[in-house]
Amino acid sequence: MNKVRITAVRQTVYRDLMARYENPIEHTCDVAVGQSWTSVNGRCPAGLCPSAWEAMRPFVEALAHGEGNFYDGWMQNPMSAMISCNDGFRPMSFYIEVV
């Protein structure tokens, strides 16, 4: 089974949506751009945000099992994917790839 590297590559913040819809909160995301993890046997790596994992899990599991080429040529590297977490106010984008 393939190991899959997960790297946080960019976070976008929608302050206008936060001001309009979100209740004020002090703590949100512990993930930092540049941080990376390795999934072994298609499992969630320790320390990865559980919500982010749920968004990327099907892609990580597929890559771990040797599948790829999602959506018929979506990615330059067919054994990779770019997935964002489901935080609508400050989504983090993750690059996942077979290593």
PDB file of N, CA and C in Angstrom:
ATOM      1  N   MET A   1       0.852  -1.182   0.000  1.00  0.00           N
ATOM      2  CA  MET A   1       0.000   0.000   0.000  1.00  0.00           C
ATOM      3  C   MET A   1       0.895   1.241   0.000  1.00  0.00           C
ATOM      4  N   ASN A   2       0.497   2.256  -0.752  1.00  0.00           N
ATOM      5  CA  ASN A   2       1.269   3.492  -0.866  1.00  0.00           C
ATOM      6  C   ASN A   2       1.144   4.357   0.384  1.00  0.00           C
ATOM      7  N   LYS A   3       2.222   5.064   0.706  1.00  0.00           N
ATOM      8  CA  LYS A   3       2.152   6.131   1.700  1.00  0.00           C
ATOM      9  C   LYS A   3       1.720   7.392   0.963  1.00  0.00           C
ATOM     10  N   VAL A   4       0.965   8.234   1.647  1.00  0.00           N
ATOM     11  CA  VAL A   4       0.446   9.461   1.034  1.00  0.00           C
ATOM     12  C   VAL A   4       0.842  10.654   1.899  1.00  0.00           C
ATOM     13  N   ARG A   5       1.522  11.615   1.286  1.00  0.00           N
ATOM     14  CA  ARG A   5       1.896  12.845   1.979  1.00  0.00           C
ATOM     15  C   ARG A   5       0.772  13.855   1.830  1.00  0.00           C
ATOM     16  N   ILE A   6       0.476  14.523   2.924  1.00  0.00           N
ATOM     17  CA  ILE A   6      -0.557  15.564   2.979  1.00  0.00           C
ATOM     18  C   ILE A   6       0.137  16.851   3.401  1.00  0.00           C
ATOM     19  N   THR A   7       0.066  17.875   2.558  1.00  0.00           N
ATOM     20  CA  THR A   7       0.743  19.139   2.857  1.00  0.00           C
ATOM     21  C   THR A   7      -0.251  20.293   2.799  1.00  0.00           C
ATOM     22  N   ALA A   8      -0.283  21.096   3.855  1.00  0.00           N
ATOM     23  CA  ALA A   8      -1.117  22.304   3.878  1.00  0.00           C
ATOM     24  C   ALA A   8      -0.418  23.362   3.024  1.00  0.00           C
ATOM     25  N   VAL A   9      -1.076  23.812   1.952  1.00  0.00           N
ATOM     26  CA  VAL A   9      -0.416  24.718   1.013  1.00  0.00           C
ATOM     27  C   VAL A   9      -0.970  26.147   0.995  1.00  0.00           C
ATOM     28  N   ARG A  10      -2.211  26.348   1.397  1.00  0.00           N
ATOM     29  CA  ARG A  10      -2.756  27.708   1.380  1.00  0.00           C
ATOM     30  C   ARG A  10      -4.027  27.762   2.220  1.00  0.00           C
ATOM     31  N   GLN A  11      -4.184  28.894   2.907  1.00  0.00           N
ATOM     32  CA  GLN A  11      -5.429  29.144   3.622  1.00  0.00           C
ATOM     33  C   GLN A  11      -6.033  30.439   3.099  1.00  0.00           C
ATOM     34  N   THR A  12      -7.299  30.402   2.844  1.00  0.00           N
ATOM     35  CA  THR A  12      -8.036  31.580   2.413  1.00  0.00           C
ATOM     36  C   THR A  12      -8.952  31.989   3.558  1.00  0.00           C
ATOM     37  N   VAL A  13      -9.083  33.283   3.805  1.00  0.00           N
ATOM     38  CA  VAL A  13      -9.933  33.773   4.886  1.00  0.00           C
ATOM     39  C   VAL A  13     -10.967  34.731   4.297  1.00  0.00           C
ATOM     40  N   TYR A  14     -12.220  34.436   4.546  1.00  0.00           N
ATOM     41  CA  TYR A  14     -13.327  35.257   4.052  1.00  0.00           C
ATOM     42  C   TYR A  14     -13.887  36.086   5.210  1.00  0.00           C
ATOM     43  N   ARG A  15     -13.222  37.215   5.473  1.00  0.00           N
ATOM     44  CA  ARG A  15     -13.608  38.050   6.612  1.00  0.00           C
ATOM     45  C   ARG A  15     -15.026  38.608   6.475  1.00  0.00           C
ATOM     46  N   ASP A  16     -15.453  38.890   5.258  1.00  0.00           N
ATOM     47  CA  ASP A  16     -16.811  39.406   5.077  1.00  0.00           C
ATOM     48  C   ASP A  16     -17.853  38.366   5.486  1.00  0.00           C
ATOM     49  N   LEU A  17     -17.621  37.111   5.152  1.00  0.00           N
ATOM     50  CA  LEU A  17     -18.553  36.053   5.561  1.00  0.00           C
ATOM     51  C   LEU A  17     -18.493  35.817   7.063  1.00  0.00           C
ATOM     52  N   MET A  18     -17.289  35.903   7.623  1.00  0.00           N
ATOM     53  CA  MET A  18     -17.145  35.733   9.071  1.00  0.00           C
ATOM     54  C   MET A  18     -17.930  36.816   9.806  1.00  0.00           C
ATOM     55  N   ALA A  19     -17.802  38.059   9.355  1.00  0.00           N
ATOM     56  CA  ALA A  19     -18.496  39.171  10.006  1.00  0.00           C
ATOM     57  C   ALA A  19     -20.004  39.035   9.885  1.00  0.00           C
ATOM     58  N   ARG A  20     -20.436  38.515   8.764  1.00  0.00           N
ATOM     59  CA  ARG A  20     -21.881  38.435   8.523  1.00  0.00           C
ATOM     60  C   ARG A  20     -22.547  37.228   9.184  1.00  0.00           C
ATOM     61  N   TYR A  21     -21.840  36.072   9.249  1.00  0.00           N
ATOM     62  CA  TYR A  21     -22.502  34.841   9.661  1.00  0.00           C
ATOM     63  C   TYR A  21     -21.919  34.133  10.886  1.00  0.00           C
ATOM     64  N   GLU A  22     -20.650  34.353  11.180  1.00  0.00           N
ATOM     65  CA  GLU A  22     -20.017  33.551  12.220  1.00  0.00           C
ATOM     66  C   GLU A  22     -20.121  34.209  13.587  1.00  0.00           C
ATOM     67  N   ASN A  23     -20.413  33.414  14.611  1.00  0.00           N
ATOM     68  CA  ASN A  23     -20.328  33.905  15.977  1.00  0.00           C
ATOM     69  C   ASN A  23     -18.860  34.100  16.312  1.00  0.00           C
ATOM     70  N   PRO A  24     -18.530  35.122  17.073  1.00  0.00           N
ATOM     71  CA  PRO A  24     -17.119  35.337  17.435  1.00  0.00           C
ATOM     72  C   PRO A  24     -16.565  34.129  18.193  1.00  0.00           C
ATOM     73  N   ILE A  25     -15.407  33.657  17.745  1.00  0.00           N
ATOM     74  CA  ILE A  25     -14.728  32.557  18.419  1.00  0.00           C
ATOM     75  C   ILE A  25     -13.250  32.901  18.528  1.00  0.00           C
ATOM     76  N   GLU A  26     -12.609  32.367  19.557  1.00  0.00           N
ATOM     77  CA  GLU A  26     -11.206  32.692  19.774  1.00  0.00           C
ATOM     78  C   GLU A  26     -10.260  31.700  19.113  1.00  0.00           C
ATOM     79  N   HIS A  27     -10.650  30.464  19.020  1.00  0.00           N
ATOM     80  CA  HIS A  27      -9.740  29.450  18.494  1.00  0.00           C
ATOM     81  C   HIS A  27     -10.396  28.741  17.303  1.00  0.00           C
ATOM     82  N   THR A  28      -9.656  28.643  16.217  1.00  0.00           N
ATOM     83  CA  THR A  28     -10.225  27.970  15.045  1.00  0.00           C
ATOM     84  C   THR A  28      -9.343  26.811  14.622  1.00  0.00           C
ATOM     85  N   CYS A  29      -8.356  27.048  13.811  1.00  0.00           N
ATOM     86  CA  CYS A  29      -7.578  25.998  13.155  1.00  0.00           C
ATOM     87  C   CYS A  29      -6.145  25.962  13.662  1.00  0.00           C
ATOM     88  N   ASP A  30      -5.648  24.764  13.949  1.00  0.00           N
ATOM     89  CA  ASP A  30      -4.265  24.599  14.394  1.00  0.00           C
ATOM     90  C   ASP A  30      -3.309  24.288  13.250  1.00  0.00           C
ATOM     91  N   VAL A  31      -3.829  24.136  12.036  1.00  0.00           N
ATOM     92  CA  VAL A  31      -2.997  23.779  10.889  1.00  0.00           C
ATOM     93  C   VAL A  31      -2.309  25.029  10.349  1.00  0.00           C
ATOM     94  N   ALA A  32      -1.018  24.896  10.034  1.00  0.00           N
ATOM     95  CA  ALA A  32      -0.244  26.005   9.476  1.00  0.00           C
ATOM     96  C   ALA A  32       0.200  25.657   8.058  1.00  0.00           C
ATOM     97  N   VAL A  33       0.226  26.659   7.197  1.00  0.00           N
ATOM     98  CA  VAL A  33       0.732  26.463   5.836  1.00  0.00           C
ATOM     99  C   VAL A  33       2.148  25.904   5.925  1.00  0.00           C
ATOM    100  N   GLY A  34       2.409  24.878   5.117  1.00  0.00           N
ATOM    101  CA  GLY A  34       3.714  24.227   5.107  1.00  0.00           C
ATOM    102  C   GLY A  34       3.775  22.979   5.969  1.00  0.00           C
ATOM    103  N   GLN A  35       2.842  22.824   6.857  1.00  0.00           N
ATOM    104  CA  GLN A  35       2.801  21.641   7.708  1.00  0.00           C
ATOM    105  C   GLN A  35       2.483  20.413   6.860  1.00  0.00           C
ATOM    106  N   SER A  36       3.070  19.264   7.193  1.00  0.00           N
ATOM    107  CA  SER A  36       2.762  18.063   6.427  1.00  0.00           C
ATOM    108  C   SER A  36       2.686  16.846   7.333  1.00  0.00           C
ATOM    109  N   TRP A  37       1.994  15.837   6.833  1.00  0.00           N
ATOM    110  CA  TRP A  37       1.774  14.575   7.528  1.00  0.00           C
ATOM    111  C   TRP A  37       1.922  13.467   6.507  1.00  0.00           C
ATOM    112  N   THR A  38       2.122  12.252   6.988  1.00  0.00           N
ATOM    113  CA  THR A  38       2.146  11.094   6.103  1.00  0.00           C
ATOM    114  C   THR A  38       1.088  10.105   6.554  1.00  0.00           C
ATOM    115  N   SER A  39       0.223   9.743   5.638  1.00  0.00           N
ATOM    116  CA  SER A  39      -0.786   8.721   5.898  1.00  0.00           C
ATOM    117  C   SER A  39      -0.196   7.361   5.542  1.00  0.00           C
ATOM    118  N   VAL A  40      -0.261   6.434   6.482  1.00  0.00           N
ATOM    119  CA  VAL A  40       0.207   5.065   6.272  1.00  0.00           C
ATOM    120  C   VAL A  40      -1.011   4.154   6.276  1.00  0.00           C
ATOM    121  N   ASN A  41      -1.088   3.290   5.284  1.00  0.00           N
ATOM    122  CA  ASN A  41      -2.220   2.365   5.141  1.00  0.00           C
ATOM    123  C   ASN A  41      -3.560   3.085   5.014  1.00  0.00           C
ATOM    124  N   GLY A  42      -3.542   4.296   4.452  1.00  0.00           N
ATOM    125  CA  GLY A  42      -4.781   5.037   4.216  1.00  0.00           C
ATOM    126  C   GLY A  42      -5.443   5.556   5.468  1.00  0.00           C
ATOM    127  N   ARG A  43      -4.700   5.622   6.568  1.00  0.00           N
ATOM    128  CA  ARG A  43      -5.269   6.065   7.844  1.00  0.00           C
ATOM    129  C   ARG A  43      -4.952   7.542   8.108  1.00  0.00           C
ATOM    130  N   CYS A  44      -5.775   8.140   8.971  1.00  0.00           N
ATOM    131  CA  CYS A  44      -5.581   9.542   9.340  1.00  0.00           C
ATOM    132  C   CYS A  44      -4.316   9.683  10.174  1.00  0.00           C
ATOM    133  N   PRO A  45      -3.405  10.547   9.765  1.00  0.00           N
ATOM    134  CA  PRO A  45      -2.193  10.766  10.549  1.00  0.00           C
ATOM    135  C   PRO A  45      -2.502  11.509  11.850  1.00  0.00           C
ATOM    136  N   ALA A  46      -1.734  11.220  12.876  1.00  0.00           N
ATOM    137  CA  ALA A  46      -1.887  11.904  14.158  1.00  0.00           C
ATOM    138  C   ALA A  46      -1.669  13.401  13.959  1.00  0.00           C
ATOM    139  N   GLY A  47      -2.526  14.192  14.595  1.00  0.00           N
ATOM    140  CA  GLY A  47      -2.373  15.637  14.562  1.00  0.00           C
ATOM    141  C   GLY A  47      -3.058  16.344  13.416  1.00  0.00           C
ATOM    142  N   LEU A  48      -3.617  15.601  12.466  1.00  0.00           N
ATOM    143  CA  LEU A  48      -4.335  16.227  11.352  1.00  0.00           C
ATOM    144  C   LEU A  48      -5.751  16.554  11.802  1.00  0.00           C
ATOM    145  N   CYS A  49      -6.237  17.705  11.421  1.00  0.00           N
ATOM    146  CA  CYS A  49      -7.593  18.141  11.772  1.00  0.00           C
ATOM    147  C   CYS A  49      -8.618  17.092  11.329  1.00  0.00           C
ATOM    148  N   PRO A  50      -9.471  16.614  12.243  1.00  0.00           N
ATOM    149  CA  PRO A  50     -10.464  15.602  11.881  1.00  0.00           C
ATOM    150  C   PRO A  50     -11.426  16.059  10.784  1.00  0.00           C
ATOM    151  N   SER A  51     -11.787  17.336  10.796  1.00  0.00           N
ATOM    152  CA  SER A  51     -12.693  17.852   9.773  1.00  0.00           C
ATOM    153  C   SER A  51     -12.023  17.844   8.399  1.00  0.00           C
ATOM    154  N   ALA A  52     -10.757  18.256   8.348  1.00  0.00           N
ATOM    155  CA  ALA A  52     -10.012  18.229   7.089  1.00  0.00           C
ATOM    156  C   ALA A  52      -9.879  16.793   6.602  1.00  0.00           C
ATOM    157  N   TRP A  53      -9.611  15.868   7.527  1.00  0.00           N
ATOM    158  CA  TRP A  53      -9.476  14.454   7.157  1.00  0.00           C
ATOM    159  C   TRP A  53     -10.743  13.943   6.483  1.00  0.00           C
ATOM    160  N   GLU A  54     -11.890  14.288   7.007  1.00  0.00           N
ATOM    161  CA  GLU A  54     -13.147  13.807   6.417  1.00  0.00           C
ATOM    162  C   GLU A  54     -13.308  14.280   4.977  1.00  0.00           C
ATOM    163  N   ALA A  55     -12.813  15.482   4.667  1.00  0.00           N
ATOM    164  CA  ALA A  55     -12.904  15.998   3.301  1.00  0.00           C
ATOM    165  C   ALA A  55     -11.955  15.263   2.350  1.00  0.00           C
ATOM    166  N   MET A  56     -10.780  14.885   2.833  1.00  0.00           N
ATOM    167  CA  MET A  56      -9.772  14.286   1.950  1.00  0.00           C
ATOM    168  C   MET A  56      -9.690  12.768   2.030  1.00  0.00           C
ATOM    169  N   ARG A  57     -10.312  12.171   3.024  1.00  0.00           N
ATOM    170  CA  ARG A  57     -10.193  10.730   3.265  1.00  0.00           C
ATOM    171  C   ARG A  57     -10.414   9.873   2.025  1.00  0.00           C
ATOM    172  N   PRO A  58     -11.470  10.084   1.234  1.00  0.00           N
ATOM    173  CA  PRO A  58     -11.669   9.210   0.067  1.00  0.00           C
ATOM    174  C   PRO A  58     -10.513   9.279  -0.937  1.00  0.00           C
ATOM    175  N   PHE A  59      -9.922  10.453  -1.084  1.00  0.00           N
ATOM    176  CA  PHE A  59      -8.806  10.615  -2.019  1.00  0.00           C
ATOM    177  C   PHE A  59      -7.538   9.971  -1.474  1.00  0.00           C
ATOM    178  N   VAL A  60      -7.269  10.150  -0.182  1.00  0.00           N
ATOM    179  CA  VAL A  60      -6.095   9.532   0.438  1.00  0.00           C
ATOM    180  C   VAL A  60      -6.215   8.016   0.360  1.00  0.00           C
ATOM    181  N   GLU A  61      -7.383   7.485   0.690  1.00  0.00           N
ATOM    182  CA  GLU A  61      -7.576   6.031   0.635  1.00  0.00           C
ATOM    183  C   GLU A  61      -7.390   5.503  -0.784  1.00  0.00           C
ATOM    184  N   ALA A  62      -7.917   6.202  -1.765  1.00  0.00           N
ATOM    185  CA  ALA A  62      -7.766   5.768  -3.159  1.00  0.00           C
ATOM    186  C   ALA A  62      -6.296   5.781  -3.567  1.00  0.00           C
ATOM    187  N   LEU A  63      -5.581   6.855  -3.250  1.00  0.00           N
ATOM    188  CA  LEU A  63      -4.162   6.936  -3.589  1.00  0.00           C
ATOM    189  C   LEU A  63      -3.367   5.847  -2.867  1.00  0.00           C
ATOM    190  N   ALA A  64      -3.704   5.589  -1.621  1.00  0.00           N
ATOM    191  CA  ALA A  64      -3.011   4.553  -0.859  1.00  0.00           C
ATOM    192  C   ALA A  64      -3.175   3.181  -1.513  1.00  0.00           C
ATOM    193  N   HIS A  65      -4.307   2.974  -2.160  1.00  0.00           N
ATOM    194  CA  HIS A  65      -4.591   1.690  -2.827  1.00  0.00           C
ATOM    195  C   HIS A  65      -4.146   1.673  -4.288  1.00  0.00           C
ATOM    196  N   GLY A  66      -3.413   2.700  -4.717  1.00  0.00           N
ATOM    197  CA  GLY A  66      -2.876   2.709  -6.076  1.00  0.00           C
ATOM    198  C   GLY A  66      -3.781   3.309  -7.127  1.00  0.00           C
ATOM    199  N   GLU A  67      -4.917   3.822  -6.714  1.00  0.00           N
ATOM    200  CA  GLU A  67      -5.805   4.495  -7.659  1.00  0.00           C
ATOM    201  C   GLU A  67      -5.345   5.940  -7.819  1.00  0.00           C
ATOM    202  N   GLY A  68      -5.807   6.602  -8.838  1.00  0.00           N
ATOM    203  CA  GLY A  68      -5.444   7.992  -9.085  1.00  0.00           C
ATOM    204  C   GLY A  68      -6.139   8.490 -10.321  1.00  0.00           C
ATOM    205  N   ASN A  69      -5.547   9.491 -10.958  1.00  0.00           N
ATOM    206  CA  ASN A  69      -6.110  10.103 -12.153  1.00  0.00           C
ATOM    207  C   ASN A  69      -7.572  10.487 -11.942  1.00  0.00           C
ATOM    208  N   PHE A  70      -7.809  11.193 -10.841  1.00  0.00           N
ATOM    209  CA  PHE A  70      -9.168  11.610 -10.504  1.00  0.00           C
ATOM    210  C   PHE A  70      -9.726  12.531 -11.573  1.00  0.00           C
ATOM    211  N   TYR A  71     -10.950  12.361 -11.900  1.00  0.00           N
ATOM    212  CA  TYR A  71     -11.662  13.202 -12.867  1.00  0.00           C
ATOM    213  C   TYR A  71     -10.948  13.286 -14.212  1.00  0.00           C
ATOM    214  N   ASP A  72     -10.361  12.183 -14.626  1.00  0.00           N
ATOM    215  CA  ASP A  72      -9.744  12.059 -15.958  1.00  0.00           C
ATOM    216  C   ASP A  72      -8.765  13.169 -16.310  1.00  0.00           C
ATOM    217  N   GLY A  73      -7.742  13.334 -15.507  1.00  0.00           N
ATOM    218  CA  GLY A  73      -6.686  14.275 -15.847  1.00  0.00           C
ATOM    219  C   GLY A  73      -6.745  15.604 -15.146  1.00  0.00           C
ATOM    220  N   TRP A  74      -7.440  15.680 -14.034  1.00  0.00           N
ATOM    221  CA  TRP A  74      -7.590  16.912 -13.264  1.00  0.00           C
ATOM    222  C   TRP A  74      -6.238  17.462 -12.811  1.00  0.00           C
ATOM    223  N   MET A  75      -5.352  16.581 -12.320  1.00  0.00           N
ATOM    224  CA  MET A  75      -4.075  17.014 -11.754  1.00  0.00           C
ATOM    225  C   MET A  75      -2.922  16.712 -12.704  1.00  0.00           C
ATOM    226  N   GLN A  76      -1.894  17.572 -12.709  1.00  0.00           N
ATOM    227  CA  GLN A  76      -0.701  17.308 -13.507  1.00  0.00           C
ATOM    228  C   GLN A  76      -0.057  15.993 -13.090  1.00  0.00           C
ATOM    229  N   ASN A  77       0.038  15.765 -11.791  1.00  0.00           N
ATOM    230  CA  ASN A  77       0.513  14.489 -11.257  1.00  0.00           C
ATOM    231  C   ASN A  77      -0.731  13.633 -11.018  1.00  0.00           C
ATOM    232  N   PRO A  78      -0.942  12.583 -11.799  1.00  0.00           N
ATOM    233  CA  PRO A  78      -2.165  11.797 -11.654  1.00  0.00           C
ATOM    234  C   PRO A  78      -2.283  11.069 -10.322  1.00  0.00           C
ATOM    235  N   MET A  79      -1.183  10.971  -9.580  1.00  0.00           N
ATOM    236  CA  MET A  79      -1.223  10.316  -8.273  1.00  0.00           C
ATOM    237  C   MET A  79      -1.238  11.362  -7.163  1.00  0.00           C
ATOM    238  N   SER A  80      -2.084  12.394  -7.359  1.00  0.00           N
ATOM    239  CA  SER A  80      -2.204  13.476  -6.389  1.00  0.00           C
ATOM    240  C   SER A  80      -3.605  14.079  -6.474  1.00  0.00           C
ATOM    241  N   ALA A  81      -3.901  14.964  -5.517  1.00  0.00           N
ATOM    242  CA  ALA A  81      -5.153  15.721  -5.533  1.00  0.00           C
ATOM    243  C   ALA A  81      -4.966  16.973  -4.691  1.00  0.00           C
ATOM    244  N   MET A  82      -5.745  18.002  -4.974  1.00  0.00           N
ATOM    245  CA  MET A  82      -5.774  19.230  -4.176  1.00  0.00           C
ATOM    246  C   MET A  82      -7.155  19.285  -3.541  1.00  0.00           C
ATOM    247  N   ILE A  83      -7.196  19.237  -2.221  1.00  0.00           N
ATOM    248  CA  ILE A  83      -8.453  19.151  -1.486  1.00  0.00           C
ATOM    249  C   ILE A  83      -8.477  20.242  -0.422  1.00  0.00           C
ATOM    250  N   SER A  84      -9.624  20.868  -0.221  1.00  0.00           N
ATOM    251  CA  SER A  84      -9.770  21.871   0.829  1.00  0.00           C
ATOM    252  C   SER A  84     -10.634  21.323   1.954  1.00  0.00           C
ATOM    253  N   CYS A  85     -10.367  21.793   3.160  1.00  0.00           N
ATOM    254  CA  CYS A  85     -11.219  21.406   4.281  1.00  0.00           C
ATOM    255  C   CYS A  85     -12.584  22.076   4.104  1.00  0.00           C
ATOM    256  N   ASN A  86     -13.515  21.715   4.940  1.00  0.00           N
ATOM    257  CA  ASN A  86     -14.878  22.214   4.748  1.00  0.00           C
ATOM    258  C   ASN A  86     -15.225  23.438   5.588  1.00  0.00           C
ATOM    259  N   ASP A  87     -14.228  24.165   6.086  1.00  0.00           N
ATOM    260  CA  ASP A  87     -14.479  25.408   6.809  1.00  0.00           C
ATOM    261  C   ASP A  87     -14.816  26.488   5.787  1.00  0.00           C
ATOM    262  N   GLY A  88     -16.042  26.911   5.752  1.00  0.00           N
ATOM    263  CA  GLY A  88     -16.479  27.887   4.766  1.00  0.00           C
ATOM    264  C   GLY A  88     -15.954  29.295   5.003  1.00  0.00           C
ATOM    265  N   PHE A  89     -15.412  29.568   6.191  1.00  0.00           N
ATOM    266  CA  PHE A  89     -14.901  30.890   6.523  1.00  0.00           C
ATOM    267  C   PHE A  89     -13.390  31.012   6.302  1.00  0.00           C
ATOM    268  N   ARG A  90     -12.652  29.925   6.530  1.00  0.00           N
ATOM    269  CA  ARG A  90     -11.185  29.964   6.421  1.00  0.00           C
ATOM    270  C   ARG A  90     -10.656  28.620   5.928  1.00  0.00           C
ATOM    271  N   PRO A  91     -11.037  28.204   4.709  1.00  0.00           N
ATOM    272  CA  PRO A  91     -10.623  26.892   4.227  1.00  0.00           C
ATOM    273  C   PRO A  91      -9.106  26.793   3.996  1.00  0.00           C
ATOM    274  N   MET A  92      -8.581  25.642   4.375  1.00  0.00           N
ATOM    275  CA  MET A  92      -7.171  25.321   4.131  1.00  0.00           C
ATOM    276  C   MET A  92      -7.136  24.361   2.955  1.00  0.00           C
ATOM    277  N   SER A  93      -6.245  24.622   2.000  1.00  0.00           N
ATOM    278  CA  SER A  93      -6.064  23.714   0.852  1.00  0.00           C
ATOM    279  C   SER A  93      -4.888  22.793   1.138  1.00  0.00           C
ATOM    280  N   PHE A  94      -5.089  21.518   0.823  1.00  0.00           N
ATOM    281  CA  PHE A  94      -4.091  20.488   1.059  1.00  0.00           C
ATOM    282  C   PHE A  94      -3.727  19.815  -0.257  1.00  0.00           C
ATOM    283  N   TYR A  95      -2.429  19.646  -0.482  1.00  0.00           N
ATOM    284  CA  TYR A  95      -1.947  18.867  -1.621  1.00  0.00           C
ATOM    285  C   TYR A  95      -1.648  17.483  -1.085  1.00  0.00           C
ATOM    286  N   ILE A  96      -2.281  16.480  -1.675  1.00  0.00           N
ATOM    287  CA  ILE A  96      -2.035  15.095  -1.254  1.00  0.00           C
ATOM    288  C   ILE A  96      -1.409  14.349  -2.422  1.00  0.00           C
ATOM    289  N   GLU A  97      -0.372  13.554  -2.106  1.00  0.00           N
ATOM    290  CA  GLU A  97       0.382  12.876  -3.156  1.00  0.00           C
ATOM    291  C   GLU A  97       0.974  11.572  -2.646  1.00  0.00           C
ATOM    292  N   VAL A  98       1.110  10.629  -3.541  1.00  0.00           N
ATOM    293  CA  VAL A  98       1.777   9.375  -3.217  1.00  0.00           C
ATOM    294  C   VAL A  98       3.267   9.651  -3.074  1.00  0.00           C
ATOM    295  N   VAL A  99       3.866   9.060  -2.037  1.00  0.00           N
ATOM    296  CA  VAL A  99       5.328   9.178  -1.847  1.00  0.00           C
ATOM    297  C   VAL A  99       5.974   7.813  -1.886  1.00  0.00           C
TER     298      VAL A  99
END
